[in-house]
Every structure is written in structure tokens, then in C-alpha cells.
Amino acid sequence: MIEAVYDVTIRDESIRLGQFLKLANLIESGAEAKEVIADGLVSVNDEVETRRGRQLVIGDVVSVGGMSVRVASGTDEPPAP
């Protein structure tokens, strides 16, 4: 079975992992983010990530608890050269 990946838009070019987990409603609080990340339950681009401050960029895929979300741009403009 193929797992669905949902896009979650961000305003800037990057976002910290802990902030993104809250934005995507994958966790309820910063304390919960710290816990699930420290326990190795979060992966970024199919690799376990234990740094809450990890900078995510457009296109990164974050997975936790069987859900996967992709960091998406909130603008329709292509990135600057």
C-alpha cells in the first residue's frame, strides 16, 4: 500500500523540525516534539532525525507515527537564481 504524502506550506525558505511538526499538526506541543524527536520516532527524507533544530527546506518529507508530510512553498514564484 502506498502511503499518502500531504503538503504543508511554510512562509519562509526553511523551518526548524520542531516548529514544522506543530505546524503540520503531527504533534500538539513543543514538549511533545522534543520527546518524539529524541526517541527517534521522526524521520526526514527516510532518515531518522534526532535534532529538533534541524532546518527543513522545500521538498523535505517528514514522517512520524505513520503520517508523512512534505515541506511546500507558500508562493507560486520559482526560487531566485
PDB file of N, CA and C in Angstrom:
ATOM      1  N   MET A   1       0.824  -1.184   0.000  1.00  0.00           N
ATOM      2  CA  MET A   1       0.000   0.000   0.000  1.00  0.00           C
ATOM      3  C   MET A   1       0.867   1.246   0.000  1.00  0.00           C
ATOM      4  N   ILE A   2       0.563   2.197  -0.836  1.00  0.00           N
ATOM      5  CA  ILE A   2       1.333   3.425  -0.941  1.00  0.00           C
ATOM      6  C   ILE A   2       0.840   4.436   0.087  1.00  0.00           C
ATOM      7  N   GLU A   3       1.785   5.009   0.806  1.00  0.00           N
ATOM      8  CA  GLU A   3       1.456   5.987   1.840  1.00  0.00           C
ATOM      9  C   GLU A   3       1.283   7.367   1.205  1.00  0.00           C
ATOM     10  N   ALA A   4       0.203   8.051   1.566  1.00  0.00           N
ATOM     11  CA  ALA A   4      -0.051   9.396   1.041  1.00  0.00           C
ATOM     12  C   ALA A   4       0.872  10.399   1.730  1.00  0.00           C
ATOM     13  N   VAL A   5       1.363  11.349   0.960  1.00  0.00           N
ATOM     14  CA  VAL A   5       2.197  12.424   1.491  1.00  0.00           C
ATOM     15  C   VAL A   5       1.444  13.723   1.261  1.00  0.00           C
ATOM     16  N   TYR A   6       1.221  14.464   2.343  1.00  0.00           N
ATOM     17  CA  TYR A   6       0.492  15.722   2.254  1.00  0.00           C
ATOM     18  C   TYR A   6       1.455  16.899   2.285  1.00  0.00           C
ATOM     19  N   ASP A   7       1.145  17.956   1.531  1.00  0.00           N
ATOM     20  CA  ASP A   7       1.967  19.159   1.521  1.00  0.00           C
ATOM     21  C   ASP A   7       1.521  20.107   2.624  1.00  0.00           C
ATOM     22  N   VAL A   8       2.491  20.676   3.329  1.00  0.00           N
ATOM     23  CA  VAL A   8       2.233  21.715   4.328  1.00  0.00           C
ATOM     24  C   VAL A   8       3.095  22.909   3.939  1.00  0.00           C
ATOM     25  N   THR A   9       2.446  24.034   3.664  1.00  0.00           N
ATOM     26  CA  THR A   9       3.187  25.209   3.191  1.00  0.00           C
ATOM     27  C   THR A   9       3.814  25.982   4.341  1.00  0.00           C
ATOM     28  N   ILE A  10       4.989  26.545   4.054  1.00  0.00           N
ATOM     29  CA  ILE A  10       5.678  27.414   5.006  1.00  0.00           C
ATOM     30  C   ILE A  10       5.873  28.770   4.344  1.00  0.00           C
ATOM     31  N   ARG A  11       6.059  29.803   5.167  1.00  0.00           N
ATOM     32  CA  ARG A  11       6.194  31.169   4.657  1.00  0.00           C
ATOM     33  C   ARG A  11       7.602  31.483   4.162  1.00  0.00           C
ATOM     34  N   ASP A  12       8.602  30.917   4.825  1.00  0.00           N
ATOM     35  CA  ASP A  12       9.994  31.236   4.501  1.00  0.00           C
ATOM     36  C   ASP A  12      10.633  30.108   3.709  1.00  0.00           C
ATOM     37  N   GLU A  13      11.944  30.209   3.515  1.00  0.00           N
ATOM     38  CA  GLU A  13      12.650  29.191   2.738  1.00  0.00           C
ATOM     39  C   GLU A  13      12.969  27.949   3.559  1.00  0.00           C
ATOM     40  N   SER A  14      12.952  28.096   4.900  1.00  0.00           N
ATOM     41  CA  SER A  14      13.246  26.958   5.761  1.00  0.00           C
ATOM     42  C   SER A  14      12.470  27.096   7.065  1.00  0.00           C
ATOM     43  N   ILE A  15      12.421  25.987   7.822  1.00  0.00           N
ATOM     44  CA  ILE A  15      11.731  25.951   9.105  1.00  0.00           C
ATOM     45  C   ILE A  15      12.397  24.875   9.953  1.00  0.00           C
ATOM     46  N   ARG A  16      12.438  25.080  11.270  1.00  0.00           N
ATOM     47  CA  ARG A  16      13.012  24.076  12.161  1.00  0.00           C
ATOM     48  C   ARG A  16      12.052  22.889  12.275  1.00  0.00           C
ATOM     49  N   LEU A  17      12.629  21.716  12.462  1.00  0.00           N
ATOM     50  CA  LEU A  17      11.851  20.485  12.527  1.00  0.00           C
ATOM     51  C   LEU A  17      10.767  20.554  13.602  1.00  0.00           C
ATOM     52  N   GLY A  18      11.110  20.987  14.810  1.00  0.00           N
ATOM     53  CA  GLY A  18      10.129  21.062  15.884  1.00  0.00           C
ATOM     54  C   GLY A  18       8.961  21.965  15.539  1.00  0.00           C
ATOM     55  N   GLN A  19       9.254  23.103  14.915  1.00  0.00           N
ATOM     56  CA  GLN A  19       8.205  24.037  14.503  1.00  0.00           C
ATOM     57  C   GLN A  19       7.323  23.417  13.426  1.00  0.00           C
ATOM     58  N   PHE A  20       7.942  22.712  12.492  1.00  0.00           N
ATOM     59  CA  PHE A  20       7.187  22.115  11.395  1.00  0.00           C
ATOM     60  C   PHE A  20       6.242  21.024  11.900  1.00  0.00           C
ATOM     61  N   LEU A  21       6.691  20.238  12.865  1.00  0.00           N
ATOM     62  CA  LEU A  21       5.826  19.190  13.411  1.00  0.00           C
ATOM     63  C   LEU A  21       4.550  19.794  13.994  1.00  0.00           C
ATOM     64  N   LYS A  22       4.679  20.937  14.669  1.00  0.00           N
ATOM     65  CA  LYS A  22       3.500  21.610  15.224  1.00  0.00           C
ATOM     66  C   LYS A  22       2.646  22.203  14.109  1.00  0.00           C
ATOM     67  N   LEU A  23       3.280  22.863  13.134  1.00  0.00           N
ATOM     68  CA  LEU A  23       2.551  23.469  12.021  1.00  0.00           C
ATOM     69  C   LEU A  23       1.732  22.422  11.266  1.00  0.00           C
ATOM     70  N   ALA A  24       2.308  21.257  11.078  1.00  0.00           N
ATOM     71  CA  ALA A  24       1.652  20.184  10.319  1.00  0.00           C
ATOM     72  C   ALA A  24       0.647  19.400  11.173  1.00  0.00           C
ATOM     73  N   ASN A  25       0.498  19.794  12.434  1.00  0.00           N
ATOM     74  CA  ASN A  25      -0.410  19.108  13.364  1.00  0.00           C
ATOM     75  C   ASN A  25      -0.049  17.639  13.566  1.00  0.00           C
ATOM     76  N   LEU A  26       1.238  17.330  13.477  1.00  0.00           N
ATOM     77  CA  LEU A  26       1.683  15.964  13.739  1.00  0.00           C
ATOM     78  C   LEU A  26       1.875  15.743  15.235  1.00  0.00           C
ATOM     79  N   ILE A  27       2.070  16.821  15.977  1.00  0.00           N
ATOM     80  CA  ILE A  27       2.196  16.780  17.433  1.00  0.00           C
ATOM     81  C   ILE A  27       1.443  17.987  17.983  1.00  0.00           C
ATOM     82  N   GLU A  28       1.228  17.999  19.309  1.00  0.00           N
ATOM     83  CA  GLU A  28       0.429  19.062  19.910  1.00  0.00           C
ATOM     84  C   GLU A  28       1.233  20.168  20.575  1.00  0.00           C
ATOM     85  N   SER A  29       2.482  19.879  20.973  1.00  0.00           N
ATOM     86  CA  SER A  29       3.252  20.887  21.697  1.00  0.00           C
ATOM     87  C   SER A  29       4.738  20.749  21.418  1.00  0.00           C
ATOM     88  N   GLY A  30       5.472  21.793  21.798  1.00  0.00           N
ATOM     89  CA  GLY A  30       6.918  21.757  21.658  1.00  0.00           C
ATOM     90  C   GLY A  30       7.532  20.666  22.519  1.00  0.00           C
ATOM     91  N   ALA A  31       6.944  20.442  23.690  1.00  0.00           N
ATOM     92  CA  ALA A  31       7.451  19.392  24.574  1.00  0.00           C
ATOM     93  C   ALA A  31       7.273  18.014  23.933  1.00  0.00           C
ATOM     94  N   GLU A  32       6.136  17.817  23.272  1.00  0.00           N
ATOM     95  CA  GLU A  32       5.895  16.543  22.588  1.00  0.00           C
ATOM     96  C   GLU A  32       6.858  16.382  21.419  1.00  0.00           C
ATOM     97  N   ALA A  33       7.134  17.486  20.711  1.00  0.00           N
ATOM     98  CA  ALA A  33       8.084  17.446  19.595  1.00  0.00           C
ATOM     99  C   ALA A  33       9.447  16.996  20.100  1.00  0.00           C
ATOM    100  N   LYS A  34       9.883  17.602  21.198  1.00  0.00           N
ATOM    101  CA  LYS A  34      11.190  17.254  21.769  1.00  0.00           C
ATOM    102  C   LYS A  34      11.254  15.764  22.093  1.00  0.00           C
ATOM    103  N   GLU A  35      10.168  15.252  22.669  1.00  0.00           N
ATOM    104  CA  GLU A  35      10.112  13.849  23.081  1.00  0.00           C
ATOM    105  C   GLU A  35      10.147  12.885  21.893  1.00  0.00           C
ATOM    106  N   VAL A  36       9.291  13.094  20.901  1.00  0.00           N
ATOM    107  CA  VAL A  36       9.248  12.150  19.771  1.00  0.00           C
ATOM    108  C   VAL A  36      10.524  12.200  18.942  1.00  0.00           C
ATOM    109  N   ILE A  37      11.121  13.392  18.844  1.00  0.00           N
ATOM    110  CA  ILE A  37      12.384  13.515  18.103  1.00  0.00           C
ATOM    111  C   ILE A  37      13.498  12.799  18.861  1.00  0.00           C
ATOM    112  N   ALA A  38      13.602  13.048  20.174  1.00  0.00           N
ATOM    113  CA  ALA A  38      14.645  12.419  20.987  1.00  0.00           C
ATOM    114  C   ALA A  38      14.504  10.893  21.006  1.00  0.00           C
ATOM    115  N   ASP A  39      13.273  10.401  20.921  1.00  0.00           N
ATOM    116  CA  ASP A  39      13.033   8.957  20.926  1.00  0.00           C
ATOM    117  C   ASP A  39      13.267   8.301  19.565  1.00  0.00           C
ATOM    118  N   GLY A  40      13.660   9.099  18.562  1.00  0.00           N
ATOM    119  CA  GLY A  40      13.954   8.549  17.240  1.00  0.00           C
ATOM    120  C   GLY A  40      12.729   8.157  16.444  1.00  0.00           C
ATOM    121  N   LEU A  41      11.584   8.786  16.749  1.00  0.00           N
ATOM    122  CA  LEU A  41      10.337   8.438  16.069  1.00  0.00           C
ATOM    123  C   LEU A  41      10.055   9.299  14.842  1.00  0.00           C
ATOM    124  N   VAL A  42      10.951  10.244  14.554  1.00  0.00           N
ATOM    125  CA  VAL A  42      10.757  11.166  13.432  1.00  0.00           C
ATOM    126  C   VAL A  42      11.836  10.907  12.379  1.00  0.00           C
ATOM    127  N   SER A  43      11.413  10.861  11.120  1.00  0.00           N
ATOM    128  CA  SER A  43      12.405  10.745  10.049  1.00  0.00           C
ATOM    129  C   SER A  43      12.216  11.882   9.055  1.00  0.00           C
ATOM    130  N   VAL A  44      13.331  12.301   8.483  1.00  0.00           N
ATOM    131  CA  VAL A  44      13.338  13.325   7.446  1.00  0.00           C
ATOM    132  C   VAL A  44      13.979  12.692   6.217  1.00  0.00           C
ATOM    133  N   ASN A  45      13.238  12.670   5.131  1.00  0.00           N
ATOM    134  CA  ASN A  45      13.724  12.057   3.897  1.00  0.00           C
ATOM    135  C   ASN A  45      14.203  10.620   4.138  1.00  0.00           C
ATOM    136  N   ASP A  46      13.393   9.865   4.899  1.00  0.00           N
ATOM    137  CA  ASP A  46      13.632   8.451   5.201  1.00  0.00           C
ATOM    138  C   ASP A  46      14.857   8.181   6.073  1.00  0.00           C
ATOM    139  N   GLU A  47      15.355   9.202   6.791  1.00  0.00           N
ATOM    140  CA  GLU A  47      16.455   9.001   7.723  1.00  0.00           C
ATOM    141  C   GLU A  47      16.033   9.519   9.088  1.00  0.00           C
ATOM    142  N   VAL A  48      16.244   8.722  10.143  1.00  0.00           N
ATOM    143  CA  VAL A  48      15.874   9.130  11.491  1.00  0.00           C
ATOM    144  C   VAL A  48      16.602  10.424  11.841  1.00  0.00           C
ATOM    145  N   GLU A  49      15.858  11.379  12.394  1.00  0.00           N
ATOM    146  CA  GLU A  49      16.426  12.684  12.763  1.00  0.00           C
ATOM    147  C   GLU A  49      16.203  12.917  14.248  1.00  0.00           C
ATOM    148  N   THR A  50      17.275  13.232  14.976  1.00  0.00           N
ATOM    149  CA  THR A  50      17.174  13.451  16.421  1.00  0.00           C
ATOM    150  C   THR A  50      17.483  14.894  16.815  1.00  0.00           C
ATOM    151  N   ARG A  51      17.608  15.785  15.833  1.00  0.00           N
ATOM    152  CA  ARG A  51      17.883  17.201  16.126  1.00  0.00           C
ATOM    153  C   ARG A  51      16.611  18.013  15.926  1.00  0.00           C
ATOM    154  N   ARG A  52      16.059  18.543  17.017  1.00  0.00           N
ATOM    155  CA  ARG A  52      14.830  19.333  16.940  1.00  0.00           C
ATOM    156  C   ARG A  52      15.043  20.596  16.114  1.00  0.00           C
ATOM    157  N   GLY A  53      16.266  21.135  16.107  1.00  0.00           N
ATOM    158  CA  GLY A  53      16.574  22.364  15.383  1.00  0.00           C
ATOM    159  C   GLY A  53      16.954  22.155  13.923  1.00  0.00           C
ATOM    160  N   ARG A  54      16.878  20.925  13.447  1.00  0.00           N
ATOM    161  CA  ARG A  54      17.217  20.632  12.040  1.00  0.00           C
ATOM    162  C   ARG A  54      16.436  21.560  11.122  1.00  0.00           C
ATOM    163  N   GLN A  55      17.130  22.218  10.203  1.00  0.00           N
ATOM    164  CA  GLN A  55      16.479  23.122   9.256  1.00  0.00           C
ATOM    165  C   GLN A  55      15.911  22.314   8.088  1.00  0.00           C
ATOM    166  N   LEU A  56      14.618  22.424   7.900  1.00  0.00           N
ATOM    167  CA  LEU A  56      13.955  21.776   6.774  1.00  0.00           C
ATOM    168  C   LEU A  56      13.812  22.778   5.650  1.00  0.00           C
ATOM    169  N   VAL A  57      13.912  22.303   4.421  1.00  0.00           N
ATOM    170  CA  VAL A  57      13.745  23.159   3.245  1.00  0.00           C
ATOM    171  C   VAL A  57      12.637  22.583   2.367  1.00  0.00           C
ATOM    172  N   ILE A  58      12.212  23.384   1.393  1.00  0.00           N
ATOM    173  CA  ILE A  58      11.155  22.967   0.479  1.00  0.00           C
ATOM    174  C   ILE A  58      11.501  21.610  -0.138  1.00  0.00           C
ATOM    175  N   GLY A  59      10.543  20.683  -0.087  1.00  0.00           N
ATOM    176  CA  GLY A  59      10.742  19.357  -0.680  1.00  0.00           C
ATOM    177  C   GLY A  59      11.087  18.279   0.329  1.00  0.00           C
ATOM    178  N   ASP A  60      11.544  18.664   1.541  1.00  0.00           N
ATOM    179  CA  ASP A  60      11.839  17.656   2.560  1.00  0.00           C
ATOM    180  C   ASP A  60      10.548  16.948   2.963  1.00  0.00           C
ATOM    181  N   VAL A  61      10.631  15.645   3.226  1.00  0.00           N
ATOM    182  CA  VAL A  61       9.477  14.865   3.662  1.00  0.00           C
ATOM    183  C   VAL A  61       9.728  14.397   5.094  1.00  0.00           C
ATOM    184  N   VAL A  62       8.799  14.740   5.985  1.00  0.00           N
ATOM    185  CA  VAL A  62       8.901  14.401   7.403  1.00  0.00           C
ATOM    186  C   VAL A  62       7.859  13.328   7.716  1.00  0.00           C
ATOM    187  N   SER A  63       8.284  12.273   8.407  1.00  0.00           N
ATOM    188  CA  SER A  63       7.375  11.185   8.765  1.00  0.00           C
ATOM    189  C   SER A  63       7.408  10.950  10.266  1.00  0.00           C
ATOM    190  N   VAL A  64       6.226  10.744  10.840  1.00  0.00           N
ATOM    191  CA  VAL A  64       6.095  10.404  12.260  1.00  0.00           C
ATOM    192  C   VAL A  64       4.745   9.710  12.450  1.00  0.00           C
ATOM    193  N   GLY A  65       4.758   8.623  13.204  1.00  0.00           N
ATOM    194  CA  GLY A  65       3.516   7.921  13.515  1.00  0.00           C
ATOM    195  C   GLY A  65       2.718   7.467  12.316  1.00  0.00           C
ATOM    196  N   GLY A  66       3.397   7.060  11.249  1.00  0.00           N
ATOM    197  CA  GLY A  66       2.705   6.567  10.067  1.00  0.00           C
ATOM    198  C   GLY A  66       2.171   7.650   9.141  1.00  0.00           C
ATOM    199  N   MET A  67       2.403   8.917   9.480  1.00  0.00           N
ATOM    200  CA  MET A  67       1.972  10.037   8.625  1.00  0.00           C
ATOM    201  C   MET A  67       3.211  10.683   8.008  1.00  0.00           C
ATOM    202  N   SER A  68       3.081  11.105   6.755  1.00  0.00           N
ATOM    203  CA  SER A  68       4.177  11.789   6.079  1.00  0.00           C
ATOM    204  C   SER A  68       3.679  13.105   5.500  1.00  0.00           C
ATOM    205  N   VAL A  69       4.473  14.158   5.685  1.00  0.00           N
ATOM    206  CA  VAL A  69       4.140  15.470   5.138  1.00  0.00           C
ATOM    207  C   VAL A  69       5.364  16.061   4.466  1.00  0.00           C
ATOM    208  N   ARG A  70       5.111  16.821   3.400  1.00  0.00           N
ATOM    209  CA  ARG A  70       6.183  17.433   2.623  1.00  0.00           C
ATOM    210  C   ARG A  70       6.195  18.934   2.883  1.00  0.00           C
ATOM    211  N   VAL A  71       7.382  19.492   3.048  1.00  0.00           N
ATOM    212  CA  VAL A  71       7.536  20.935   3.204  1.00  0.00           C
ATOM    213  C   VAL A  71       7.303  21.560   1.835  1.00  0.00           C
ATOM    214  N   ALA A  72       6.328  22.479   1.761  1.00  0.00           N
ATOM    215  CA  ALA A  72       5.975  23.106   0.484  1.00  0.00           C
ATOM    216  C   ALA A  72       6.094  24.616   0.591  1.00  0.00           C
ATOM    217  N   SER A  73       6.328  25.250  -0.537  1.00  0.00           N
ATOM    218  CA  SER A  73       6.443  26.698  -0.601  1.00  0.00           C
ATOM    219  C   SER A  73       5.069  27.336  -0.592  1.00  0.00           C
ATOM    220  N   GLY A  74       4.960  28.456   0.117  1.00  0.00           N
ATOM    221  CA  GLY A  74       3.704  29.175   0.167  1.00  0.00           C
ATOM    222  C   GLY A  74       3.543  30.160  -0.968  1.00  0.00           C
ATOM    223  N   THR A  75       4.543  30.221  -1.855  1.00  0.00           N
ATOM    224  CA  THR A  75       4.469  31.149  -3.006  1.00  0.00           C
ATOM    225  C   THR A  75       4.449  30.358  -4.295  1.00  0.00           C
ATOM    226  N   ASP A  76       3.916  30.979  -5.318  1.00  0.00           N
ATOM    227  CA  ASP A  76       3.900  30.338  -6.637  1.00  0.00           C
ATOM    228  C   ASP A  76       5.108  30.725  -7.474  1.00  0.00           C
ATOM    229  N   GLU A  77       5.941  31.616  -6.913  1.00  0.00           N
ATOM    230  CA  GLU A  77       7.111  32.082  -7.657  1.00  0.00           C
ATOM    231  C   GLU A  77       8.225  31.064  -7.559  1.00  0.00           C
ATOM    232  N   PRO A  78       8.985  30.890  -8.636  1.00  0.00           N
ATOM    233  CA  PRO A  78      10.130  29.983  -8.566  1.00  0.00           C
ATOM    234  C   PRO A  78      11.207  30.603  -7.695  1.00  0.00           C
ATOM    235  N   PRO A  79      12.089  29.776  -7.105  1.00  0.00           N
ATOM    236  CA  PRO A  79      13.157  30.320  -6.273  1.00  0.00           C
ATOM    237  C   PRO A  79      14.071  31.249  -7.059  1.00  0.00           C
ATOM    238  N   ALA A  80      14.636  32.215  -6.392  1.00  0.00           N
ATOM    239  CA  ALA A  80      15.568  33.156  -7.037  1.00  0.00           C
ATOM    240  C   ALA A  80      16.819  32.422  -7.464  1.00  0.00           C
ATOM    241  N   PRO A  81      17.432  32.823  -8.576  1.00  0.00           N
ATOM    242  CA  PRO A  81      18.658  32.130  -9.051  1.00  0.00           C
ATOM    243  C   PRO A  81      19.826  32.366  -8.141  1.00  0.00           C
TER     244      PRO A  81
END
